[in-house]
């Protein structure tokens, strides 16, 4: 079974090779594959979470069609852009410890 970290790295690599300008944006974001279980019986769905700073999120969201296309080609369901600046203020968030180089 392929790990979520590996899928996130592959997603970033494919985007960078096929769409260099969009790949440059992802260099400033934290990309994570998120698992969700839905339905009866529960079915595993994987989607891409892109954590961006408040100043980067609009630029990344403008490229969402490109990102979604790559994600679907890789068998991932969707791409979600999240404002990491707000998450960092949340005392329960582990994002700051997970990717300290971005903050």
Protein backbone atom coordinates (compact mmCIF):
# COMPACT_ATOMS: atom_id res chain seq x y z
CA UNK A 1 0.00 0.00 0.00
CA UNK A 2 1.30 3.44 -0.93
CA UNK A 3 1.76 5.85 1.98
CA UNK A 4 -0.01 9.19 2.15
CA UNK A 5 3.32 11.03 2.38
CA UNK A 6 4.52 9.36 -0.81
CA UNK A 7 1.31 10.34 -2.63
CA UNK A 8 1.67 13.94 -1.47
CA UNK A 9 5.28 14.07 -2.75
CA UNK A 10 4.26 12.50 -6.07
CA UNK A 11 1.39 14.97 -6.44
CA UNK A 12 3.77 17.89 -5.89
CA UNK A 13 6.33 16.41 -8.30
CA UNK A 14 3.78 15.87 -11.08
CA UNK A 15 2.36 19.38 -10.68
CA UNK A 16 5.88 20.88 -10.74
CA UNK A 17 6.85 19.01 -13.91
CA UNK A 18 3.66 19.54 -15.88
CA UNK A 19 2.73 23.02 -14.58
CA UNK A 20 5.96 24.73 -13.38
CA UNK A 21 4.29 27.99 -12.29
CA UNK A 22 1.74 26.13 -10.19
CA UNK A 23 4.52 23.94 -8.81
CA UNK A 24 6.34 27.06 -7.70
CA UNK A 25 3.27 28.07 -5.68
CA UNK A 26 3.19 24.65 -4.00
CA UNK A 27 6.76 25.14 -2.81
CA UNK A 28 5.36 27.68 -0.35
CA UNK A 29 2.56 25.40 0.88
CA UNK A 30 2.22 22.23 2.89
CA UNK A 31 0.64 19.44 0.82
CA UNK A 32 -0.97 16.50 2.57
CA UNK A 33 -3.11 13.56 1.44
CA UNK A 34 -6.10 13.28 3.77
CA UNK A 35 -8.16 10.12 4.21
CA UNK A 36 -11.89 10.22 4.75
CA UNK A 37 -14.30 7.35 5.24
CA UNK A 38 -17.81 7.77 3.81
CA UNK A 39 -20.91 5.68 3.29
CA UNK A 40 -22.14 2.30 4.42
CA UNK A 41 -20.04 0.26 4.40
CA UNK A 42 -17.39 2.96 4.86
CA UNK A 43 -15.40 3.59 1.72
CA UNK A 44 -11.99 5.23 1.91
CA UNK A 45 -11.69 8.47 -0.03
CA UNK A 46 -8.39 10.31 -0.40
CA UNK A 47 -8.10 13.98 -1.19
CA UNK A 48 -5.33 16.55 -1.28
CA UNK A 49 -5.20 19.22 1.39
CA UNK A 50 -3.07 22.23 0.52
CA UNK A 51 -2.27 24.38 3.54
CA UNK A 52 -1.37 27.93 2.47
CA UNK A 53 -0.58 31.13 4.26
CA UNK A 54 -3.18 33.85 4.06
CA UNK A 55 -1.20 35.76 1.45
CA UNK A 56 -0.83 32.69 -0.83
CA UNK A 57 -4.28 31.13 -0.69
CA UNK A 58 -5.88 33.22 -3.47
CA UNK A 59 -3.08 32.41 -5.90
CA UNK A 60 -3.35 28.69 -5.13
CA UNK A 61 -7.15 28.71 -5.41
CA UNK A 62 -6.81 30.33 -8.84
CA UNK A 63 -4.96 27.16 -9.93
CA UNK A 64 -7.50 24.76 -8.40
CA UNK A 65 -8.67 23.41 -11.78
CA UNK A 66 -5.13 22.37 -12.67
CA UNK A 67 -4.55 20.86 -9.22
CA UNK A 68 -7.84 18.95 -9.33
CA UNK A 69 -7.01 17.56 -12.77
CA UNK A 70 -3.69 16.15 -11.51
CA UNK A 71 -5.32 14.79 -8.34
CA UNK A 72 -8.04 12.97 -10.26
CA UNK A 73 -5.45 11.50 -12.65
CA UNK A 74 -3.71 10.08 -9.57
CA UNK A 75 -6.93 8.56 -8.23
CA UNK A 76 -7.50 11.18 -5.56
CA UNK A 77 -10.99 12.59 -5.11
CA UNK A 78 -10.57 16.34 -4.69
CA UNK A 79 -8.25 19.24 -3.82
CA UNK A 80 -9.03 21.43 -0.83
CA UNK A 81 -7.20 24.69 -0.08
CA UNK A 82 -6.98 25.55 3.60
CA UNK A 83 -5.91 28.81 5.21
CA UNK A 84 -3.04 27.64 7.41
CA UNK A 85 -2.72 31.04 9.09
CA UNK A 86 -6.06 30.46 10.84
CA UNK A 87 -5.17 26.88 11.72
CA UNK A 88 -1.94 28.01 13.37
CA UNK A 89 -3.95 30.06 15.85
CA UNK A 90 -5.88 26.95 16.88
CA UNK A 91 -4.22 25.52 20.02
CA UNK A 92 -5.26 21.96 19.00
CA UNK A 93 -3.65 22.19 15.55
CA UNK A 94 -0.51 20.12 15.01
CA UNK A 95 0.35 21.84 11.73
CA UNK A 96 3.05 24.05 13.23
CA UNK A 97 4.91 20.98 14.55
CA UNK A 98 4.31 18.96 11.38
CA UNK A 99 5.75 21.53 8.93
CA UNK A 100 7.79 24.08 10.92
CA UNK A 101 9.77 25.34 7.94
CA UNK A 102 6.69 27.10 6.57
CA UNK A 103 5.84 29.07 9.68
